[in-house]
């Protein structure tokens, strides 16, 4: 499966969506994000710190501290989040991993990827957190519930026999 960005970037988008939709400017704690998104707390804390460093969240220390969005969700582009989490040069590498790939010495798919990348970057820059937040959290919550149902232990206390009638 092709992945445009990492799990960490997905989690960053979920955390920002939570901050935008659930908190509406109010402070929130890492455990709030964990509870809503299912992201483990240590990973959530790491993501939130990266989002503070990227200028997407403000961190508030002391009693009643927590995090708030640093700017409106309408002003946070998906491209900005991806680059903050994955690195500014995330789209600058050869898709085939060749070190010498470029305009002078292109790989077999360089021109095709360059055209696709131009459109992709334009679309990601045009799409804001506000545009995706509702759908992102709704689908993430649904997938979390499916995973939770899969993990629940069977209500059956005694395992089924394999065709043998067991009598006390």
N, C-alpha and C. Protein backbone atom coordinates (compact mmCIF):
# COMPACT_ATOMS: atom_id res chain seq x y z
N UNK A 1 0.84 -1.17 0.00
CA UNK A 1 0.00 0.00 0.00
C UNK A 1 0.89 1.24 0.00
N UNK A 2 0.57 2.19 -0.84
CA UNK A 2 1.30 3.46 -0.92
C UNK A 2 0.90 4.35 0.24
N UNK A 3 1.88 4.92 0.90
CA UNK A 3 1.61 5.85 2.01
C UNK A 3 2.25 7.18 1.69
N UNK A 4 1.45 8.22 1.77
CA UNK A 4 1.94 9.56 1.50
C UNK A 4 2.73 10.09 2.69
N UNK A 5 2.33 9.69 3.89
CA UNK A 5 2.99 10.15 5.10
C UNK A 5 2.85 9.10 6.19
N UNK A 6 3.55 9.31 7.29
CA UNK A 6 3.65 8.31 8.36
C UNK A 6 2.43 8.29 9.27
N UNK A 7 2.41 7.28 10.14
CA UNK A 7 1.38 7.17 11.17
C UNK A 7 1.44 8.38 12.10
N UNK A 8 2.64 8.87 12.38
CA UNK A 8 2.79 10.05 13.21
C UNK A 8 2.08 11.26 12.62
N UNK A 9 2.14 11.39 11.31
CA UNK A 9 1.46 12.50 10.64
C UNK A 9 -0.05 12.32 10.72
N UNK A 10 -0.52 11.09 10.56
CA UNK A 10 -1.96 10.82 10.73
C UNK A 10 -2.40 11.22 12.13
N UNK A 11 -1.63 10.82 13.12
CA UNK A 11 -1.98 11.14 14.51
C UNK A 11 -1.94 12.65 14.76
N UNK A 12 -1.00 13.34 14.13
CA UNK A 12 -0.94 14.80 14.27
C UNK A 12 -2.21 15.44 13.70
N UNK A 13 -2.66 14.95 12.56
CA UNK A 13 -3.90 15.48 11.97
C UNK A 13 -5.10 15.19 12.86
N UNK A 14 -5.15 14.00 13.47
CA UNK A 14 -6.26 13.66 14.38
C UNK A 14 -6.22 14.57 15.61
N UNK A 15 -5.01 14.79 16.16
CA UNK A 15 -4.88 15.63 17.36
C UNK A 15 -5.30 17.07 17.05
N UNK A 16 -4.89 17.59 15.90
CA UNK A 16 -5.29 18.94 15.51
C UNK A 16 -6.80 19.01 15.24
N UNK A 17 -7.34 17.97 14.64
CA UNK A 17 -8.80 17.92 14.41
C UNK A 17 -9.53 17.95 15.74
N UNK A 18 -9.03 17.20 16.71
CA UNK A 18 -9.63 17.19 18.05
C UNK A 18 -9.59 18.59 18.64
N UNK A 19 -8.42 19.23 18.56
CA UNK A 19 -8.27 20.58 19.13
C UNK A 19 -9.24 21.56 18.48
N UNK A 20 -9.45 21.41 17.20
CA UNK A 20 -10.34 22.32 16.47
C UNK A 20 -11.81 22.05 16.78
N UNK A 21 -12.23 20.81 16.71
CA UNK A 21 -13.66 20.48 16.83
C UNK A 21 -14.15 20.31 18.25
N UNK A 22 -13.39 19.60 19.05
CA UNK A 22 -13.85 19.25 20.38
C UNK A 22 -13.62 20.36 21.40
N UNK A 23 -12.55 21.10 21.23
CA UNK A 23 -12.17 22.07 22.26
C UNK A 23 -12.52 23.51 21.89
N UNK A 24 -12.63 23.82 20.63
CA UNK A 24 -13.03 25.15 20.16
C UNK A 24 -12.34 26.28 20.93
N UNK A 25 -11.03 26.24 20.98
CA UNK A 25 -10.27 27.30 21.65
C UNK A 25 -9.96 27.04 23.11
N UNK A 26 -10.63 26.08 23.72
CA UNK A 26 -10.37 25.76 25.12
C UNK A 26 -9.11 24.90 25.23
N UNK A 27 -8.51 24.92 26.39
CA UNK A 27 -7.32 24.10 26.62
C UNK A 27 -7.71 22.63 26.72
N UNK A 28 -6.78 21.79 26.29
CA UNK A 28 -6.99 20.35 26.40
C UNK A 28 -5.70 19.69 26.86
N UNK A 29 -5.84 18.51 27.42
CA UNK A 29 -4.73 17.74 27.94
C UNK A 29 -4.42 16.59 26.97
N UNK A 30 -3.19 16.07 27.00
CA UNK A 30 -2.87 14.92 26.15
C UNK A 30 -3.82 13.74 26.35
N UNK A 31 -4.23 13.50 27.61
CA UNK A 31 -5.14 12.36 27.87
C UNK A 31 -6.48 12.54 27.18
N UNK A 32 -6.91 13.81 26.98
CA UNK A 32 -8.16 14.06 26.26
C UNK A 32 -8.05 13.58 24.82
N UNK A 33 -6.92 13.87 24.19
CA UNK A 33 -6.68 13.44 22.81
C UNK A 33 -6.62 11.92 22.76
N UNK A 34 -5.93 11.32 23.73
CA UNK A 34 -5.81 9.85 23.78
C UNK A 34 -7.18 9.20 23.87
N UNK A 35 -8.00 9.73 24.75
CA UNK A 35 -9.33 9.16 24.96
C UNK A 35 -10.16 9.24 23.68
N UNK A 36 -10.10 10.36 22.99
CA UNK A 36 -10.94 10.57 21.80
C UNK A 36 -10.41 9.85 20.57
N UNK A 37 -9.08 9.77 20.45
CA UNK A 37 -8.49 9.23 19.22
C UNK A 37 -7.94 7.82 19.36
N UNK A 38 -7.67 7.38 20.59
CA UNK A 38 -7.09 6.05 20.78
C UNK A 38 -5.58 6.01 20.58
N UNK A 39 -4.95 7.16 20.44
CA UNK A 39 -3.50 7.21 20.29
C UNK A 39 -2.87 7.01 21.68
N UNK A 40 -1.85 6.15 21.81
CA UNK A 40 -1.21 5.95 23.11
C UNK A 40 -0.64 7.27 23.66
N UNK A 41 -0.71 7.45 24.98
CA UNK A 41 -0.32 8.73 25.58
C UNK A 41 1.13 9.14 25.33
N UNK A 42 2.12 8.24 25.45
CA UNK A 42 3.49 8.70 25.18
C UNK A 42 3.66 9.23 23.74
N UNK A 43 3.03 8.56 22.79
CA UNK A 43 3.09 8.99 21.40
C UNK A 43 2.35 10.32 21.22
N UNK A 44 1.22 10.47 21.91
CA UNK A 44 0.45 11.71 21.84
C UNK A 44 1.29 12.88 22.35
N UNK A 45 1.97 12.69 23.46
CA UNK A 45 2.80 13.77 24.01
C UNK A 45 3.90 14.17 23.03
N UNK A 46 4.50 13.19 22.40
CA UNK A 46 5.56 13.46 21.41
C UNK A 46 4.99 14.25 20.23
N UNK A 47 3.82 13.85 19.75
CA UNK A 47 3.18 14.54 18.63
C UNK A 47 2.82 15.97 19.01
N UNK A 48 2.24 16.14 20.20
CA UNK A 48 1.84 17.48 20.63
C UNK A 48 3.05 18.41 20.73
N UNK A 49 4.18 17.90 21.22
CA UNK A 49 5.39 18.72 21.29
C UNK A 49 5.86 19.12 19.89
N UNK A 50 5.80 18.19 18.94
CA UNK A 50 6.18 18.51 17.56
C UNK A 50 5.24 19.58 16.98
N UNK A 51 3.97 19.51 17.34
CA UNK A 51 3.00 20.50 16.84
C UNK A 51 3.21 21.86 17.49
N UNK A 52 3.70 21.88 18.73
CA UNK A 52 4.06 23.15 19.38
C UNK A 52 5.27 23.74 18.65
N UNK A 53 6.28 22.91 18.42
CA UNK A 53 7.49 23.38 17.73
C UNK A 53 7.18 23.85 16.31
N UNK A 54 6.18 23.24 15.68
CA UNK A 54 5.79 23.63 14.33
C UNK A 54 4.91 24.86 14.28
N UNK A 55 4.49 25.37 15.45
CA UNK A 55 3.68 26.57 15.50
C UNK A 55 2.18 26.34 15.33
N UNK A 56 1.74 25.09 15.48
CA UNK A 56 0.32 24.76 15.32
C UNK A 56 -0.44 24.82 16.65
N UNK A 57 0.29 24.52 17.74
CA UNK A 57 -0.31 24.53 19.07
C UNK A 57 0.48 25.45 19.99
N UNK A 58 -0.20 25.98 20.99
CA UNK A 58 0.46 26.69 22.10
C UNK A 58 0.42 25.76 23.30
N UNK A 59 1.53 25.69 24.03
CA UNK A 59 1.60 24.91 25.27
C UNK A 59 1.46 25.86 26.44
N UNK A 60 0.60 25.51 27.39
CA UNK A 60 0.37 26.32 28.59
C UNK A 60 0.83 25.51 29.79
N UNK A 61 1.75 26.06 30.56
CA UNK A 61 2.31 25.35 31.72
C UNK A 61 1.54 25.68 32.99
N UNK A 62 1.80 24.86 34.00
CA UNK A 62 1.24 25.12 35.32
C UNK A 62 -0.16 24.54 35.50
N UNK A 63 -0.77 24.83 36.66
CA UNK A 63 -2.12 24.31 36.94
C UNK A 63 -3.10 24.80 35.87
N UNK A 64 -3.90 23.90 35.39
CA UNK A 64 -4.86 24.25 34.34
C UNK A 64 -4.20 24.42 32.99
N UNK A 65 -2.95 23.97 32.88
CA UNK A 65 -2.22 24.09 31.61
C UNK A 65 -2.82 23.19 30.55
N UNK A 66 -2.09 22.99 29.53
CA UNK A 66 -2.55 22.15 28.43
C UNK A 66 -2.14 22.76 27.11
N UNK A 67 -2.94 22.52 26.11
CA UNK A 67 -2.64 22.98 24.76
C UNK A 67 -3.85 23.68 24.16
N UNK A 68 -3.59 24.62 23.26
CA UNK A 68 -4.63 25.26 22.45
C UNK A 68 -4.08 25.42 21.04
N UNK A 69 -4.97 25.56 20.07
CA UNK A 69 -4.54 25.85 18.71
C UNK A 69 -3.84 27.21 18.69
N UNK A 70 -2.74 27.31 17.98
CA UNK A 70 -1.99 28.56 17.89
C UNK A 70 -2.59 29.50 16.85
N UNK A 71 -3.32 28.94 15.91
CA UNK A 71 -3.99 29.74 14.88
C UNK A 71 -5.26 29.03 14.46
N UNK A 72 -6.07 29.71 13.72
CA UNK A 72 -7.36 29.10 13.35
C UNK A 72 -7.15 27.91 12.42
N UNK A 73 -8.05 26.96 12.49
CA UNK A 73 -7.97 25.75 11.67
C UNK A 73 -8.02 26.08 10.18
N UNK A 74 -8.66 27.17 9.83
CA UNK A 74 -8.74 27.59 8.43
C UNK A 74 -7.38 28.01 7.89
N UNK A 75 -6.45 28.38 8.78
CA UNK A 75 -5.13 28.85 8.36
C UNK A 75 -4.05 27.77 8.48
N UNK A 76 -4.45 26.55 8.81
CA UNK A 76 -3.50 25.44 8.91
C UNK A 76 -3.72 24.54 7.71
N UNK A 77 -2.75 24.54 6.79
CA UNK A 77 -2.89 23.69 5.60
C UNK A 77 -2.36 22.29 5.89
N UNK A 78 -2.89 21.33 5.16
CA UNK A 78 -2.41 19.95 5.31
C UNK A 78 -0.93 19.86 4.94
N UNK A 79 -0.53 20.61 3.93
CA UNK A 79 0.87 20.61 3.52
C UNK A 79 1.78 21.09 4.66
N UNK A 80 1.36 22.12 5.36
CA UNK A 80 2.15 22.63 6.49
C UNK A 80 2.32 21.56 7.57
N UNK A 81 1.25 20.84 7.88
CA UNK A 81 1.31 19.80 8.92
C UNK A 81 2.22 18.67 8.47
N UNK A 82 2.05 18.21 7.24
CA UNK A 82 2.88 17.11 6.73
C UNK A 82 4.36 17.50 6.77
N UNK A 83 4.68 18.69 6.31
CA UNK A 83 6.08 19.12 6.30
C UNK A 83 6.63 19.29 7.72
N UNK A 84 5.80 19.74 8.64
CA UNK A 84 6.26 19.91 10.03
C UNK A 84 6.57 18.57 10.67
N UNK A 85 5.75 17.57 10.40
CA UNK A 85 5.93 16.25 11.02
C UNK A 85 6.96 15.41 10.27
N UNK A 86 6.88 15.41 8.95
CA UNK A 86 7.74 14.54 8.14
C UNK A 86 9.07 15.18 7.77
N UNK A 87 9.15 16.49 7.83
CA UNK A 87 10.36 17.21 7.44
C UNK A 87 10.09 18.08 6.22
N UNK A 88 10.75 19.22 6.18
CA UNK A 88 10.53 20.19 5.10
C UNK A 88 10.86 19.61 3.72
N UNK A 89 11.80 18.68 3.68
CA UNK A 89 12.24 18.13 2.39
C UNK A 89 11.54 16.82 2.03
N UNK A 90 10.43 16.53 2.67
CA UNK A 90 9.78 15.23 2.50
C UNK A 90 9.38 14.92 1.05
N UNK A 91 9.10 15.94 0.27
CA UNK A 91 8.69 15.72 -1.12
C UNK A 91 9.83 15.97 -2.11
N UNK A 92 11.04 16.18 -1.60
CA UNK A 92 12.16 16.55 -2.47
C UNK A 92 13.03 15.37 -2.90
N UNK A 93 12.69 14.18 -2.49
CA UNK A 93 13.52 13.02 -2.80
C UNK A 93 12.96 12.24 -3.99
N UNK A 94 13.83 11.52 -4.62
CA UNK A 94 13.43 10.66 -5.74
C UNK A 94 12.48 9.57 -5.23
N UNK A 95 11.40 9.36 -5.94
CA UNK A 95 10.43 8.34 -5.55
C UNK A 95 11.06 6.95 -5.59
N UNK A 96 12.00 6.75 -6.50
CA UNK A 96 12.67 5.44 -6.62
C UNK A 96 13.87 5.32 -5.68
N UNK A 97 14.19 6.40 -4.96
CA UNK A 97 15.30 6.36 -4.02
C UNK A 97 16.67 6.54 -4.64
N UNK A 98 16.72 7.01 -5.87
CA UNK A 98 18.01 7.20 -6.54
C UNK A 98 18.63 8.53 -6.11
N UNK A 99 19.90 8.52 -5.70
CA UNK A 99 20.52 9.74 -5.18
C UNK A 99 20.82 10.79 -6.25
N UNK A 100 21.02 10.39 -7.48
CA UNK A 100 21.40 11.32 -8.55
C UNK A 100 20.21 11.79 -9.38
N UNK A 101 18.99 11.47 -8.98
CA UNK A 101 17.81 11.83 -9.76
C UNK A 101 17.60 13.34 -9.74
N UNK A 102 17.27 13.90 -10.89
CA UNK A 102 17.00 15.33 -11.01
C UNK A 102 16.69 15.67 -12.45
N UNK A 103 16.54 16.95 -12.72
CA UNK A 103 16.22 17.38 -14.07
C UNK A 103 17.27 17.00 -15.09
N UNK A 104 18.56 17.01 -14.70
CA UNK A 104 19.65 16.68 -15.61
C UNK A 104 19.78 15.16 -15.76
N UNK A 105 19.59 14.44 -14.68
CA UNK A 105 19.76 12.98 -14.69
C UNK A 105 18.50 12.33 -14.09
N UNK A 106 17.37 12.34 -14.81
CA UNK A 106 16.11 11.86 -14.24
C UNK A 106 16.02 10.33 -14.16
N UNK A 107 15.30 9.86 -13.15
CA UNK A 107 14.99 8.43 -13.04
C UNK A 107 13.86 8.12 -14.04
N UNK A 108 13.50 6.85 -14.23
CA UNK A 108 12.47 6.50 -15.21
C UNK A 108 11.10 7.15 -14.97
N UNK A 109 10.78 7.50 -13.73
CA UNK A 109 9.45 8.09 -13.49
C UNK A 109 9.54 9.54 -12.99
N UNK A 110 10.69 10.18 -13.16
CA UNK A 110 10.91 11.53 -12.64
C UNK A 110 9.89 12.54 -13.17
N UNK A 111 9.72 12.59 -14.48
CA UNK A 111 8.82 13.59 -15.05
C UNK A 111 7.36 13.33 -14.66
N UNK A 112 6.97 12.07 -14.64
CA UNK A 112 5.60 11.73 -14.24
C UNK A 112 5.38 12.14 -12.78
N UNK A 113 6.33 11.81 -11.91
CA UNK A 113 6.20 12.17 -10.49
C UNK A 113 6.24 13.68 -10.30
N UNK A 114 7.07 14.38 -11.06
CA UNK A 114 7.16 15.84 -10.94
C UNK A 114 5.80 16.48 -11.23
N UNK A 115 5.13 16.01 -12.28
CA UNK A 115 3.80 16.55 -12.62
C UNK A 115 2.78 16.23 -11.52
N UNK A 116 2.78 14.98 -11.08
CA UNK A 116 1.83 14.56 -10.03
C UNK A 116 2.12 15.30 -8.72
N UNK A 117 3.40 15.46 -8.40
CA UNK A 117 3.79 16.13 -7.16
C UNK A 117 3.37 17.60 -7.16
N UNK A 118 3.50 18.26 -8.30
CA UNK A 118 3.09 19.66 -8.40
C UNK A 118 1.62 19.82 -8.06
N UNK A 119 0.78 18.95 -8.63
CA UNK A 119 -0.66 19.01 -8.35
C UNK A 119 -0.94 18.65 -6.90
N UNK A 120 -0.28 17.60 -6.41
CA UNK A 120 -0.48 17.16 -5.03
C UNK A 120 -0.14 18.27 -4.04
N UNK A 121 1.01 18.90 -4.21
CA UNK A 121 1.42 19.97 -3.30
C UNK A 121 0.45 21.15 -3.34
N UNK A 122 -0.02 21.47 -4.52
CA UNK A 122 -1.00 22.55 -4.66
C UNK A 122 -2.29 22.20 -3.91
N UNK A 123 -2.77 20.97 -4.08
CA UNK A 123 -4.01 20.54 -3.41
C UNK A 123 -3.84 20.48 -1.89
N UNK A 124 -2.71 19.97 -1.42
CA UNK A 124 -2.47 19.90 0.03
C UNK A 124 -2.34 21.29 0.64
N UNK A 125 -1.77 22.23 -0.10
CA UNK A 125 -1.65 23.60 0.39
C UNK A 125 -3.01 24.29 0.44
N UNK A 126 -3.91 23.90 -0.46
CA UNK A 126 -5.24 24.53 -0.53
C UNK A 126 -6.23 23.95 0.49
N UNK A 127 -5.98 22.76 0.98
CA UNK A 127 -6.90 22.09 1.92
C UNK A 127 -6.48 22.42 3.34
N UNK A 128 -7.45 22.89 4.13
CA UNK A 128 -7.15 23.28 5.51
C UNK A 128 -7.60 22.22 6.52
N UNK A 129 -7.11 22.37 7.72
CA UNK A 129 -7.54 21.51 8.82
C UNK A 129 -9.05 21.59 9.00
N UNK A 130 -9.60 22.78 8.89
CA UNK A 130 -11.05 22.96 9.03
C UNK A 130 -11.81 22.15 7.97
N UNK A 131 -11.23 22.02 6.78
CA UNK A 131 -11.88 21.27 5.70
C UNK A 131 -11.99 19.78 6.00
N UNK A 132 -11.04 19.24 6.72
CA UNK A 132 -10.99 17.78 6.91
C UNK A 132 -11.34 17.31 8.31
N UNK A 133 -11.40 18.19 9.28
CA UNK A 133 -11.49 17.80 10.69
C UNK A 133 -12.69 16.92 11.01
N UNK A 134 -13.87 17.29 10.56
CA UNK A 134 -15.08 16.53 10.90
C UNK A 134 -14.99 15.11 10.37
N UNK A 135 -14.63 14.97 9.11
CA UNK A 135 -14.55 13.64 8.50
C UNK A 135 -13.42 12.83 9.13
N UNK A 136 -12.28 13.47 9.38
CA UNK A 136 -11.13 12.76 9.96
C UNK A 136 -11.48 12.15 11.31
N UNK A 137 -12.08 12.93 12.20
CA UNK A 137 -12.41 12.41 13.54
C UNK A 137 -13.52 11.38 13.48
N UNK A 138 -14.50 11.60 12.63
CA UNK A 138 -15.62 10.66 12.53
C UNK A 138 -15.12 9.29 12.04
N UNK A 139 -14.31 9.28 10.99
CA UNK A 139 -13.80 8.02 10.46
C UNK A 139 -12.80 7.37 11.42
N UNK A 140 -11.99 8.18 12.08
CA UNK A 140 -11.03 7.64 13.03
C UNK A 140 -11.76 6.99 14.20
N UNK A 141 -12.81 7.63 14.68
CA UNK A 141 -13.59 7.08 15.80
C UNK A 141 -14.23 5.77 15.39
N UNK A 142 -14.76 5.70 14.17
CA UNK A 142 -15.39 4.47 13.69
C UNK A 142 -14.36 3.35 13.58
N UNK A 143 -13.17 3.65 13.08
CA UNK A 143 -12.15 2.60 12.97
C UNK A 143 -11.68 2.17 14.35
N UNK A 144 -11.63 3.08 15.30
CA UNK A 144 -11.26 2.74 16.68
C UNK A 144 -12.27 1.82 17.32
N UNK A 145 -13.56 2.04 17.05
CA UNK A 145 -14.60 1.18 17.60
C UNK A 145 -14.52 -0.21 17.00
N UNK A 146 -14.21 -0.29 15.68
CA UNK A 146 -14.07 -1.61 15.05
C UNK A 146 -12.91 -2.36 15.68
N UNK A 147 -11.79 -1.68 15.90
CA UNK A 147 -10.63 -2.33 16.51
C UNK A 147 -10.93 -2.75 17.93
N UNK A 148 -11.67 -1.93 18.65
CA UNK A 148 -12.04 -2.26 20.04
C UNK A 148 -12.91 -3.50 20.08
N UNK A 149 -13.86 -3.60 19.14
CA UNK A 149 -14.73 -4.78 19.10
C UNK A 149 -13.92 -6.03 18.83
N UNK A 150 -12.91 -5.94 17.99
CA UNK A 150 -12.08 -7.10 17.67
C UNK A 150 -11.29 -7.57 18.89
N UNK A 151 -10.92 -6.64 19.78
CA UNK A 151 -10.10 -6.99 20.93
C UNK A 151 -10.89 -7.53 22.10
N UNK A 152 -12.20 -7.33 22.13
CA UNK A 152 -12.99 -7.76 23.28
C UNK A 152 -12.92 -9.28 23.41
N UNK A 153 -12.71 -9.78 24.62
CA UNK A 153 -12.66 -11.22 24.81
C UNK A 153 -14.05 -11.83 24.65
N UNK A 154 -14.05 -13.09 24.34
CA UNK A 154 -15.31 -13.80 24.17
C UNK A 154 -16.06 -13.85 25.50
N UNK A 155 -17.37 -13.79 25.42
CA UNK A 155 -18.19 -13.87 26.63
C UNK A 155 -18.29 -15.32 27.11
N UNK A 156 -17.89 -16.22 26.28
CA UNK A 156 -17.95 -17.64 26.58
C UNK A 156 -16.83 -17.98 27.57
N UNK A 157 -17.19 -18.43 28.75
CA UNK A 157 -16.21 -18.74 29.80
C UNK A 157 -15.49 -20.05 29.52
N UNK A 158 -16.19 -20.99 28.92
CA UNK A 158 -15.62 -22.30 28.65
C UNK A 158 -15.46 -22.45 27.15
N UNK A 159 -14.30 -22.86 26.69
CA UNK A 159 -14.12 -23.03 25.26
C UNK A 159 -15.01 -24.15 24.72
N UNK A 160 -15.38 -24.01 23.47
CA UNK A 160 -16.21 -25.03 22.84
C UNK A 160 -15.43 -26.33 22.70
N UNK A 161 -16.14 -27.42 22.83
CA UNK A 161 -15.49 -28.71 22.61
C UNK A 161 -15.46 -28.95 21.11
N UNK A 162 -14.64 -29.82 20.68
CA UNK A 162 -14.51 -30.11 19.25
C UNK A 162 -15.29 -31.37 18.91
N UNK A 163 -16.59 -31.27 19.01
CA UNK A 163 -17.43 -32.41 18.64
C UNK A 163 -17.57 -33.46 19.73
N UNK A 164 -16.95 -33.25 20.86
CA UNK A 164 -17.03 -34.21 21.95
C UNK A 164 -17.98 -33.65 23.00
N UNK A 165 -18.94 -34.43 23.39
CA UNK A 165 -19.88 -33.99 24.41
C UNK A 165 -19.25 -34.17 25.77
N UNK A 166 -19.09 -33.10 26.48
CA UNK A 166 -18.48 -33.15 27.80
C UNK A 166 -19.57 -33.17 28.85
N UNK A 167 -19.53 -34.14 29.72
CA UNK A 167 -20.51 -34.23 30.81
C UNK A 167 -19.77 -34.10 32.12
N UNK A 168 -20.42 -33.45 33.09
CA UNK A 168 -19.80 -33.31 34.40
C UNK A 168 -19.72 -34.61 35.15
